[in-house]
Amino acid sequence: MDLYLIPNNPEHTLLVSANGVPHYQIDTSDCERGTQVTLIQRPGASLDDSVVAEIEWGEQEFDIPTVIRSPMLRTPAQCVDNSKGVGIKAPDYLYKRHRFGT
């Protein structure tokens, strides 16, 4: 399935299919500590049902990791405790092409 950004802004966008059906909403906002937080949602009956993932963007210069939180992540061995819930550090979750690659 091809998805299109409406508008073409990856920080605040609606992902729609070719026939115009909305599938995901992406919004990035500032957190109280000044870090960026991206919320990815899909249509659902309630807010809890609609959340696909939350990404709290870290800062490399301050050694703050990027953390991904999602109700679909159920691996406690890789989890990071946080005031907003449980998440996985992005480098542990995302695919690496090479053993020492970023």
PDB file of N, CA and C in Angstrom:
ATOM      1  N   MET A   1       0.841  -1.167   0.000  1.00  0.00           N
ATOM      2  CA  MET A   1       0.000   0.000   0.000  1.00  0.00           C
ATOM      3  C   MET A   1       0.888   1.233   0.000  1.00  0.00           C
ATOM      4  N   ASP A   2       0.598   2.175  -0.875  1.00  0.00           N
ATOM      5  CA  ASP A   2       1.307   3.452  -0.920  1.00  0.00           C
ATOM      6  C   ASP A   2       0.604   4.436   0.002  1.00  0.00           C
ATOM      7  N   LEU A   3       1.401   5.138   0.834  1.00  0.00           N
ATOM      8  CA  LEU A   3       0.860   6.165   1.707  1.00  0.00           C
ATOM      9  C   LEU A   3       1.456   7.514   1.330  1.00  0.00           C
ATOM     10  N   TYR A   4       0.653   8.562   1.456  1.00  0.00           N
ATOM     11  CA  TYR A   4       1.069   9.898   1.072  1.00  0.00           C
ATOM     12  C   TYR A   4       0.944  10.845   2.262  1.00  0.00           C
ATOM     13  N   LEU A   5       1.882  11.804   2.373  1.00  0.00           N
ATOM     14  CA  LEU A   5       1.862  12.803   3.424  1.00  0.00           C
ATOM     15  C   LEU A   5       0.956  13.961   3.019  1.00  0.00           C
ATOM     16  N   ILE A   6      -0.005  14.320   3.878  1.00  0.00           N
ATOM     17  CA  ILE A   6      -0.879  15.463   3.626  1.00  0.00           C
ATOM     18  C   ILE A   6      -0.832  16.343   4.863  1.00  0.00           C
ATOM     19  N   PRO A   7      -0.198  17.473   4.940  1.00  0.00           N
ATOM     20  CA  PRO A   7       0.697  18.064   3.949  1.00  0.00           C
ATOM     21  C   PRO A   7       2.053  17.362   3.974  1.00  0.00           C
ATOM     22  N   ASN A   8       2.922  17.752   3.094  1.00  0.00           N
ATOM     23  CA  ASN A   8       4.236  17.117   2.967  1.00  0.00           C
ATOM     24  C   ASN A   8       5.171  17.641   4.061  1.00  0.00           C
ATOM     25  N   ASN A   9       4.882  17.293   5.308  1.00  0.00           N
ATOM     26  CA  ASN A   9       5.651  17.735   6.464  1.00  0.00           C
ATOM     27  C   ASN A   9       5.740  16.550   7.425  1.00  0.00           C
ATOM     28  N   PRO A  10       6.891  15.905   7.539  1.00  0.00           N
ATOM     29  CA  PRO A  10       6.986  14.698   8.364  1.00  0.00           C
ATOM     30  C   PRO A  10       6.773  14.931   9.861  1.00  0.00           C
ATOM     31  N   GLU A  11       6.830  16.185  10.340  1.00  0.00           N
ATOM     32  CA  GLU A  11       6.610  16.458  11.765  1.00  0.00           C
ATOM     33  C   GLU A  11       5.125  16.581  12.124  1.00  0.00           C
ATOM     34  N   HIS A  12       4.323  17.057  11.206  1.00  0.00           N
ATOM     35  CA  HIS A  12       2.876  17.207  11.423  1.00  0.00           C
ATOM     36  C   HIS A  12       2.182  16.814  10.127  1.00  0.00           C
ATOM     37  N   THR A  13       1.693  15.570  10.067  1.00  0.00           N
ATOM     38  CA  THR A  13       1.126  15.111   8.805  1.00  0.00           C
ATOM     39  C   THR A  13       0.056  14.056   9.030  1.00  0.00           C
ATOM     40  N   LEU A  14      -0.714  13.840   8.024  1.00  0.00           N
ATOM     41  CA  LEU A  14      -1.681  12.764   7.968  1.00  0.00           C
ATOM     42  C   LEU A  14      -1.239  11.848   6.837  1.00  0.00           C
ATOM     43  N   LEU A  15      -1.101  10.563   7.117  1.00  0.00           N
ATOM     44  CA  LEU A  15      -0.739   9.594   6.080  1.00  0.00           C
ATOM     45  C   LEU A  15      -2.021   9.007   5.517  1.00  0.00           C
ATOM     46  N   VAL A  16      -2.236   9.204   4.224  1.00  0.00           N
ATOM     47  CA  VAL A  16      -3.447   8.714   3.564  1.00  0.00           C
ATOM     48  C   VAL A  16      -3.074   7.766   2.436  1.00  0.00           C
ATOM     49  N   SER A  17      -3.991   6.850   2.128  1.00  0.00           N
ATOM     50  CA  SER A  17      -3.784   5.946   0.997  1.00  0.00           C
ATOM     51  C   SER A  17      -4.162   6.661  -0.294  1.00  0.00           C
ATOM     52  N   ALA A  18      -3.920   6.005  -1.413  1.00  0.00           N
ATOM     53  CA  ALA A  18      -4.165   6.616  -2.726  1.00  0.00           C
ATOM     54  C   ALA A  18      -5.630   7.004  -2.911  1.00  0.00           C
ATOM     55  N   ASN A  19      -6.558   6.294  -2.264  1.00  0.00           N
ATOM     56  CA  ASN A  19      -7.978   6.624  -2.401  1.00  0.00           C
ATOM     57  C   ASN A  19      -8.456   7.639  -1.361  1.00  0.00           C
ATOM     58  N   GLY A  20      -7.524   8.234  -0.575  1.00  0.00           N
ATOM     59  CA  GLY A  20      -7.854   9.317   0.347  1.00  0.00           C
ATOM     60  C   GLY A  20      -8.251   8.895   1.750  1.00  0.00           C
ATOM     61  N   VAL A  21      -8.143   7.609   2.075  1.00  0.00           N
ATOM     62  CA  VAL A  21      -8.504   7.135   3.419  1.00  0.00           C
ATOM     63  C   VAL A  21      -7.354   7.420   4.385  1.00  0.00           C
ATOM     64  N   PRO A  22      -7.616   8.129   5.513  1.00  0.00           N
ATOM     65  CA  PRO A  22      -6.547   8.402   6.484  1.00  0.00           C
ATOM     66  C   PRO A  22      -6.178   7.132   7.262  1.00  0.00           C
ATOM     67  N   HIS A  23      -4.869   6.883   7.412  1.00  0.00           N
ATOM     68  CA  HIS A  23      -4.401   5.697   8.123  1.00  0.00           C
ATOM     69  C   HIS A  23      -3.610   6.046   9.380  1.00  0.00           C
ATOM     70  N   TYR A  24      -2.806   7.094   9.345  1.00  0.00           N
ATOM     71  CA  TYR A  24      -1.985   7.483  10.492  1.00  0.00           C
ATOM     72  C   TYR A  24      -1.907   8.998  10.594  1.00  0.00           C
ATOM     73  N   GLN A  25      -1.847   9.494  11.829  1.00  0.00           N
ATOM     74  CA  GLN A  25      -1.639  10.908  12.119  1.00  0.00           C
ATOM     75  C   GLN A  25      -0.316  11.017  12.862  1.00  0.00           C
ATOM     76  N   ILE A  26       0.562  11.921  12.432  1.00  0.00           N
ATOM     77  CA  ILE A  26       1.862  12.114  13.070  1.00  0.00           C
ATOM     78  C   ILE A  26       1.965  13.561  13.523  1.00  0.00           C
ATOM     79  N   ASP A  27       2.246  13.749  14.828  1.00  0.00           N
ATOM     80  CA  ASP A  27       2.408  15.084  15.396  1.00  0.00           C
ATOM     81  C   ASP A  27       3.648  15.103  16.267  1.00  0.00           C
ATOM     82  N   THR A  28       4.473  16.128  16.100  1.00  0.00           N
ATOM     83  CA  THR A  28       5.671  16.315  16.906  1.00  0.00           C
ATOM     84  C   THR A  28       5.517  17.594  17.698  1.00  0.00           C
ATOM     85  N   SER A  29       5.748  17.495  18.999  1.00  0.00           N
ATOM     86  CA  SER A  29       5.606  18.670  19.854  1.00  0.00           C
ATOM     87  C   SER A  29       6.752  18.719  20.855  1.00  0.00           C
ATOM     88  N   ASP A  30       6.849  19.860  21.554  1.00  0.00           N
ATOM     89  CA  ASP A  30       7.860  20.017  22.589  1.00  0.00           C
ATOM     90  C   ASP A  30       7.366  19.409  23.887  1.00  0.00           C
ATOM     91  N   CYS A  31       8.258  18.759  24.580  1.00  0.00           N
ATOM     92  CA  CYS A  31       7.969  18.196  25.893  1.00  0.00           C
ATOM     93  C   CYS A  31       8.332  19.244  26.943  1.00  0.00           C
ATOM     94  N   GLU A  32       7.908  19.048  28.183  1.00  0.00           N
ATOM     95  CA  GLU A  32       8.195  20.023  29.231  1.00  0.00           C
ATOM     96  C   GLU A  32       9.686  20.204  29.486  1.00  0.00           C
ATOM     97  N   ARG A  33      10.503  19.204  29.173  1.00  0.00           N
ATOM     98  CA  ARG A  33      11.948  19.318  29.352  1.00  0.00           C
ATOM     99  C   ARG A  33      12.639  19.881  28.122  1.00  0.00           C
ATOM    100  N   GLY A  34      11.893  20.207  27.091  1.00  0.00           N
ATOM    101  CA  GLY A  34      12.480  20.778  25.896  1.00  0.00           C
ATOM    102  C   GLY A  34      12.835  19.754  24.836  1.00  0.00           C
ATOM    103  N   THR A  35      12.586  18.472  25.077  1.00  0.00           N
ATOM    104  CA  THR A  35      12.876  17.456  24.066  1.00  0.00           C
ATOM    105  C   THR A  35      11.675  17.306  23.141  1.00  0.00           C
ATOM    106  N   GLN A  36      11.926  16.897  21.932  1.00  0.00           N
ATOM    107  CA  GLN A  36      10.869  16.682  20.947  1.00  0.00           C
ATOM    108  C   GLN A  36      10.226  15.319  21.173  1.00  0.00           C
ATOM    109  N   VAL A  37       8.902  15.261  21.081  1.00  0.00           N
ATOM    110  CA  VAL A  37       8.158  14.019  21.211  1.00  0.00           C
ATOM    111  C   VAL A  37       7.261  13.882  19.988  1.00  0.00           C
ATOM    112  N   THR A  38       7.355  12.738  19.297  1.00  0.00           N
ATOM    113  CA  THR A  38       6.512  12.450  18.139  1.00  0.00           C
ATOM    114  C   THR A  38       5.479  11.407  18.533  1.00  0.00           C
ATOM    115  N   LEU A  39       4.212  11.692  18.275  1.00  0.00           N
ATOM    116  CA  LEU A  39       3.115  10.774  18.563  1.00  0.00           C
ATOM    117  C   LEU A  39       2.548  10.274  17.237  1.00  0.00           C
ATOM    118  N   ILE A  40       2.495   8.961  17.095  1.00  0.00           N
ATOM    119  CA  ILE A  40       1.950   8.338  15.888  1.00  0.00           C
ATOM    120  C   ILE A  40       0.649   7.650  16.280  1.00  0.00           C
ATOM    121  N   GLN A  41      -0.453   8.046  15.610  1.00  0.00           N
ATOM    122  CA  GLN A  41      -1.771   7.509  15.931  1.00  0.00           C
ATOM    123  C   GLN A  41      -2.456   7.001  14.675  1.00  0.00           C
ATOM    124  N   ARG A  42      -3.400   6.097  14.866  1.00  0.00           N
ATOM    125  CA  ARG A  42      -4.274   5.633  13.798  1.00  0.00           C
ATOM    126  C   ARG A  42      -5.711   5.822  14.270  1.00  0.00           C
ATOM    127  N   PRO A  43      -6.674   5.814  13.372  1.00  0.00           N
ATOM    128  CA  PRO A  43      -8.062   5.977  13.818  1.00  0.00           C
ATOM    129  C   PRO A  43      -8.434   4.872  14.805  1.00  0.00           C
ATOM    130  N   GLY A  44      -9.078   5.265  15.908  1.00  0.00           N
ATOM    131  CA  GLY A  44      -9.479   4.297  16.924  1.00  0.00           C
ATOM    132  C   GLY A  44     -10.644   4.810  17.734  1.00  0.00           C
ATOM    133  N   ALA A  45     -11.229   3.918  18.534  1.00  0.00           N
ATOM    134  CA  ALA A  45     -12.399   4.269  19.342  1.00  0.00           C
ATOM    135  C   ALA A  45     -12.048   5.235  20.462  1.00  0.00           C
ATOM    136  N   SER A  46     -10.839   5.118  21.016  1.00  0.00           N
ATOM    137  CA  SER A  46     -10.406   6.015  22.081  1.00  0.00           C
ATOM    138  C   SER A  46      -8.946   6.377  21.868  1.00  0.00           C
ATOM    139  N   LEU A  47      -8.440   7.324  22.665  1.00  0.00           N
ATOM    140  CA  LEU A  47      -7.040   7.740  22.545  1.00  0.00           C
ATOM    141  C   LEU A  47      -6.105   6.569  22.825  1.00  0.00           C
ATOM    142  N   ASP A  48      -6.434   5.762  23.849  1.00  0.00           N
ATOM    143  CA  ASP A  48      -5.581   4.610  24.175  1.00  0.00           C
ATOM    144  C   ASP A  48      -5.536   3.590  23.036  1.00  0.00           C
ATOM    145  N   ASP A  49      -6.644   3.401  22.346  1.00  0.00           N
ATOM    146  CA  ASP A  49      -6.694   2.459  21.230  1.00  0.00           C
ATOM    147  C   ASP A  49      -6.003   2.994  19.981  1.00  0.00           C
ATOM    148  N   SER A  50      -5.899   4.312  19.872  1.00  0.00           N
ATOM    149  CA  SER A  50      -5.377   4.900  18.644  1.00  0.00           C
ATOM    150  C   SER A  50      -3.860   5.067  18.633  1.00  0.00           C
ATOM    151  N   VAL A  51      -3.199   5.065  19.787  1.00  0.00           N
ATOM    152  CA  VAL A  51      -1.753   5.307  19.841  1.00  0.00           C
ATOM    153  C   VAL A  51      -0.989   4.104  19.304  1.00  0.00           C
ATOM    154  N   VAL A  52      -0.187   4.345  18.282  1.00  0.00           N
ATOM    155  CA  VAL A  52       0.677   3.310  17.718  1.00  0.00           C
ATOM    156  C   VAL A  52       2.038   3.371  18.393  1.00  0.00           C
ATOM    157  N   ALA A  53       2.595   4.568  18.515  1.00  0.00           N
ATOM    158  CA  ALA A  53       3.911   4.723  19.133  1.00  0.00           C
ATOM    159  C   ALA A  53       4.140   6.168  19.526  1.00  0.00           C
ATOM    160  N   GLU A  54       5.075   6.333  20.461  1.00  0.00           N
ATOM    161  CA  GLU A  54       5.551   7.642  20.861  1.00  0.00           C
ATOM    162  C   GLU A  54       7.069   7.584  20.817  1.00  0.00           C
ATOM    163  N   ILE A  55       7.671   8.571  20.176  1.00  0.00           N
ATOM    164  CA  ILE A  55       9.132   8.626  20.078  1.00  0.00           C
ATOM    165  C   ILE A  55       9.604   9.873  20.795  1.00  0.00           C
ATOM    166  N   GLU A  56      10.411   9.688  21.830  1.00  0.00           N
ATOM    167  CA  GLU A  56      11.014  10.818  22.540  1.00  0.00           C
ATOM    168  C   GLU A  56      12.434  10.942  22.021  1.00  0.00           C
ATOM    169  N   TRP A  57      12.677  12.005  21.262  1.00  0.00           N
ATOM    170  CA  TRP A  57      13.955  12.199  20.600  1.00  0.00           C
ATOM    171  C   TRP A  57      15.018  12.633  21.597  1.00  0.00           C
ATOM    172  N   GLY A  58      16.112  11.912  21.650  1.00  0.00           N
ATOM    173  CA  GLY A  58      17.210  12.237  22.551  1.00  0.00           C
ATOM    174  C   GLY A  58      18.195  13.204  21.916  1.00  0.00           C
ATOM    175  N   GLU A  59      19.218  13.525  22.683  1.00  0.00           N
ATOM    176  CA  GLU A  59      20.265  14.423  22.198  1.00  0.00           C
ATOM    177  C   GLU A  59      21.610  13.758  22.416  1.00  0.00           C
ATOM    178  N   GLN A  60      22.351  13.538  21.318  1.00  0.00           N
ATOM    179  CA  GLN A  60      23.640  12.868  21.407  1.00  0.00           C
ATOM    180  C   GLN A  60      24.654  13.663  22.208  1.00  0.00           C
ATOM    181  N   GLU A  61      24.629  14.977  22.080  1.00  0.00           N
ATOM    182  CA  GLU A  61      25.632  15.789  22.767  1.00  0.00           C
ATOM    183  C   GLU A  61      25.488  15.731  24.290  1.00  0.00           C
ATOM    184  N   PHE A  62      24.280  15.445  24.789  1.00  0.00           N
ATOM    185  CA  PHE A  62      24.055  15.324  26.230  1.00  0.00           C
ATOM    186  C   PHE A  62      23.907  13.875  26.662  1.00  0.00           C
ATOM    187  N   ASP A  63      24.167  12.943  25.744  1.00  0.00           N
ATOM    188  CA  ASP A  63      24.091  11.503  26.005  1.00  0.00           C
ATOM    189  C   ASP A  63      22.693  11.072  26.467  1.00  0.00           C
ATOM    190  N   ILE A  64      21.651  11.677  25.871  1.00  0.00           N
ATOM    191  CA  ILE A  64      20.264  11.314  26.157  1.00  0.00           C
ATOM    192  C   ILE A  64      19.782  10.447  24.993  1.00  0.00           C
ATOM    193  N   PRO A  65      19.384   9.189  25.265  1.00  0.00           N
ATOM    194  CA  PRO A  65      18.988   8.304  24.173  1.00  0.00           C
ATOM    195  C   PRO A  65      17.597   8.632  23.629  1.00  0.00           C
ATOM    196  N   THR A  66      17.362   8.287  22.376  1.00  0.00           N
ATOM    197  CA  THR A  66      16.031   8.336  21.791  1.00  0.00           C
ATOM    198  C   THR A  66      15.298   7.092  22.260  1.00  0.00           C
ATOM    199  N   VAL A  67      14.054   7.271  22.738  1.00  0.00           N
ATOM    200  CA  VAL A  67      13.288   6.158  23.304  1.00  0.00           C
ATOM    201  C   VAL A  67      11.989   6.004  22.519  1.00  0.00           C
ATOM    202  N   ILE A  68      11.657   4.755  22.176  1.00  0.00           N
ATOM    203  CA  ILE A  68      10.420   4.431  21.466  1.00  0.00           C
ATOM    204  C   ILE A  68       9.496   3.730  22.443  1.00  0.00           C
ATOM    205  N   ARG A  69       8.267   4.233  22.570  1.00  0.00           N
ATOM    206  CA  ARG A  69       7.265   3.604  23.421  1.00  0.00           C
ATOM    207  C   ARG A  69       6.076   3.197  22.558  1.00  0.00           C
ATOM    208  N   SER A  70       5.572   1.998  22.798  1.00  0.00           N
ATOM    209  CA  SER A  70       4.434   1.523  22.031  1.00  0.00           C
ATOM    210  C   SER A  70       3.732   0.409  22.794  1.00  0.00           C
ATOM    211  N   PRO A  71       2.401   0.341  22.707  1.00  0.00           N
ATOM    212  CA  PRO A  71       1.705  -0.779  23.329  1.00  0.00           C
ATOM    213  C   PRO A  71       2.055  -2.113  22.667  1.00  0.00           C
ATOM    214  N   MET A  72       2.643  -2.070  21.473  1.00  0.00           N
ATOM    215  CA  MET A  72       3.010  -3.296  20.763  1.00  0.00           C
ATOM    216  C   MET A  72       4.351  -3.865  21.225  1.00  0.00           C
ATOM    217  N   LEU A  73       5.145  -3.092  21.988  1.00  0.00           N
ATOM    218  CA  LEU A  73       6.433  -3.562  22.472  1.00  0.00           C
ATOM    219  C   LEU A  73       6.219  -4.325  23.769  1.00  0.00           C
ATOM    220  N   ARG A  74       6.522  -5.595  23.757  1.00  0.00           N
ATOM    221  CA  ARG A  74       6.270  -6.439  24.926  1.00  0.00           C
ATOM    222  C   ARG A  74       7.522  -7.184  25.381  1.00  0.00           C
ATOM    223  N   THR A  75       8.709  -6.631  25.146  1.00  0.00           N
ATOM    224  CA  THR A  75       9.948  -7.299  25.532  1.00  0.00           C
ATOM    225  C   THR A  75      10.574  -6.606  26.730  1.00  0.00           C
ATOM    226  N   PRO A  76      10.279  -7.043  27.970  1.00  0.00           N
ATOM    227  CA  PRO A  76      10.779  -6.350  29.147  1.00  0.00           C
ATOM    228  C   PRO A  76      12.295  -6.350  29.274  1.00  0.00           C
ATOM    229  N   ALA A  77      12.984  -7.299  28.666  1.00  0.00           N
ATOM    230  CA  ALA A  77      14.443  -7.334  28.779  1.00  0.00           C
ATOM    231  C   ALA A  77      15.091  -6.129  28.107  1.00  0.00           C
ATOM    232  N   GLN A  78      14.430  -5.531  27.116  1.00  0.00           N
ATOM    233  CA  GLN A  78      14.992  -4.401  26.386  1.00  0.00           C
ATOM    234  C   GLN A  78      14.370  -3.074  26.802  1.00  0.00           C
ATOM    235  N   CYS A  79      13.580  -3.048  27.862  1.00  0.00           N
ATOM    236  CA  CYS A  79      12.817  -1.859  28.208  1.00  0.00           C
ATOM    237  C   CYS A  79      13.607  -0.867  29.044  1.00  0.00           C
ATOM    238  N   VAL A  80      13.205   0.370  28.954  1.00  0.00           N
ATOM    239  CA  VAL A  80      13.781   1.466  29.718  1.00  0.00           C
ATOM    240  C   VAL A  80      12.649   2.078  30.527  1.00  0.00           C
ATOM    241  N   ASP A  81      12.823   2.205  31.839  1.00  0.00           N
ATOM    242  CA  ASP A  81      11.775   2.812  32.662  1.00  0.00           C
ATOM    243  C   ASP A  81      11.816   4.317  32.512  1.00  0.00           C
ATOM    244  N   ASN A  82      10.641   4.930  32.448  1.00  0.00           N
ATOM    245  CA  ASN A  82      10.517   6.364  32.263  1.00  0.00           C
ATOM    246  C   ASN A  82       9.211   6.803  32.895  1.00  0.00           C
ATOM    247  N   SER A  83       9.104   8.062  33.230  1.00  0.00           N
ATOM    248  CA  SER A  83       7.880   8.560  33.851  1.00  0.00           C
ATOM    249  C   SER A  83       6.667   8.424  32.929  1.00  0.00           C
ATOM    250  N   LYS A  84       6.883   8.345  31.627  1.00  0.00           N
ATOM    251  CA  LYS A  84       5.779   8.222  30.677  1.00  0.00           C
ATOM    252  C   LYS A  84       5.483   6.772  30.329  1.00  0.00           C
ATOM    253  N   GLY A  85       6.152   5.825  30.926  1.00  0.00           N
ATOM    254  CA  GLY A  85       5.896   4.426  30.627  1.00  0.00           C
ATOM    255  C   GLY A  85       7.164   3.708  30.227  1.00  0.00           C
ATOM    256  N   VAL A  86       7.003   2.544  29.645  1.00  0.00           N
ATOM    257  CA  VAL A  86       8.122   1.696  29.281  1.00  0.00           C
ATOM    258  C   VAL A  86       8.427   1.873  27.810  1.00  0.00           C
ATOM    259  N   GLY A  87       9.707   1.878  27.485  1.00  0.00           N
ATOM    260  CA  GLY A  87      10.105   2.024  26.094  1.00  0.00           C
ATOM    261  C   GLY A  87      11.392   1.299  25.813  1.00  0.00           C
ATOM    262  N   ILE A  88      11.788   1.312  24.559  1.00  0.00           N
ATOM    263  CA  ILE A  88      13.033   0.684  24.113  1.00  0.00           C
ATOM    264  C   ILE A  88      13.923   1.768  23.535  1.00  0.00           C
ATOM    265  N   LYS A  89      15.207   1.728  23.863  1.00  0.00           N
ATOM    266  CA  LYS A  89      16.140   2.669  23.256  1.00  0.00           C
ATOM    267  C   LYS A  89      16.163   2.413  21.757  1.00  0.00           C
ATOM    268  N   ALA A  90      16.139   3.478  20.976  1.00  0.00           N
ATOM    269  CA  ALA A  90      16.049   3.365  19.519  1.00  0.00           C
ATOM    270  C   ALA A  90      17.154   2.496  18.904  1.00  0.00           C
ATOM    271  N   PRO A  91      18.431   2.617  19.328  1.00  0.00           N
ATOM    272  CA  PRO A  91      19.456   1.767  18.707  1.00  0.00           C
ATOM    273  C   PRO A  91      19.234   0.272  18.951  1.00  0.00           C
ATOM    274  N   ASP A  92      18.529  -0.094  20.027  1.00  0.00           N
ATOM    275  CA  ASP A  92      18.231  -1.501  20.285  1.00  0.00           C
ATOM    276  C   ASP A  92      17.082  -2.002  19.428  1.00  0.00           C
ATOM    277  N   TYR A  93      16.263  -1.092  18.932  1.00  0.00           N
ATOM    278  CA  TYR A  93      15.066  -1.452  18.170  1.00  0.00           C
ATOM    279  C   TYR A  93      15.259  -1.361  16.665  1.00  0.00           C
ATOM    280  N   LEU A  94      15.981  -0.353  16.206  1.00  0.00           N
ATOM    281  CA  LEU A  94      16.114  -0.096  14.779  1.00  0.00           C
ATOM    282  C   LEU A  94      17.159  -0.997  14.131  1.00  0.00           C
ATOM    283  N   TYR A  95      16.956  -1.298  12.883  1.00  0.00           N
ATOM    284  CA  TYR A  95      17.826  -2.169  12.108  1.00  0.00           C
ATOM    285  C   TYR A  95      19.167  -1.497  11.811  1.00  0.00           C
ATOM    286  N   LYS A  96      20.253  -2.280  11.938  1.00  0.00           N
ATOM    287  CA  LYS A  96      21.587  -1.796  11.573  1.00  0.00           C
ATOM    288  C   LYS A  96      22.083  -2.617  10.394  1.00  0.00           C
ATOM    289  N   ARG A  97      22.649  -1.941   9.409  1.00  0.00           N
ATOM    290  CA  ARG A  97      23.158  -2.659   8.247  1.00  0.00           C
ATOM    291  C   ARG A  97      24.454  -3.385   8.554  1.00  0.00           C
ATOM    292  N   HIS A  98      25.300  -2.778   9.367  1.00  0.00           N
ATOM    293  CA  HIS A  98      26.589  -3.369   9.720  1.00  0.00           C
ATOM    294  C   HIS A  98      26.667  -3.514  11.246  1.00  0.00           C
ATOM    295  N   ARG A  99      27.495  -4.398  11.697  1.00  0.00           N
ATOM    296  CA  ARG A  99      27.618  -4.670  13.129  1.00  0.00           C
ATOM    297  C   ARG A  99      27.917  -3.397  13.937  1.00  0.00           C
ATOM    298  N   PHE A 100      28.800  -2.524  13.427  1.00  0.00           N
ATOM    299  CA  PHE A 100      29.164  -1.319  14.133  1.00  0.00           C
ATOM    300  C   PHE A 100      28.535  -0.066  13.519  1.00  0.00           C
ATOM    301  N   GLY A 101      27.544  -0.236  12.659  1.00  0.00           N
ATOM    302  CA  GLY A 101      26.897   0.892  12.001  1.00  0.00           C
ATOM    303  C   GLY A 101      25.964   1.642  12.930  1.00  0.00           C
ATOM    304  N   THR A 102      25.655   2.878  12.567  1.00  0.00           N
ATOM    305  CA  THR A 102      24.720   3.673  13.385  1.00  0.00           C
ATOM    306  C   THR A 102      23.291   3.371  12.973  1.00  0.00           C
TER     307      THR A 102
END
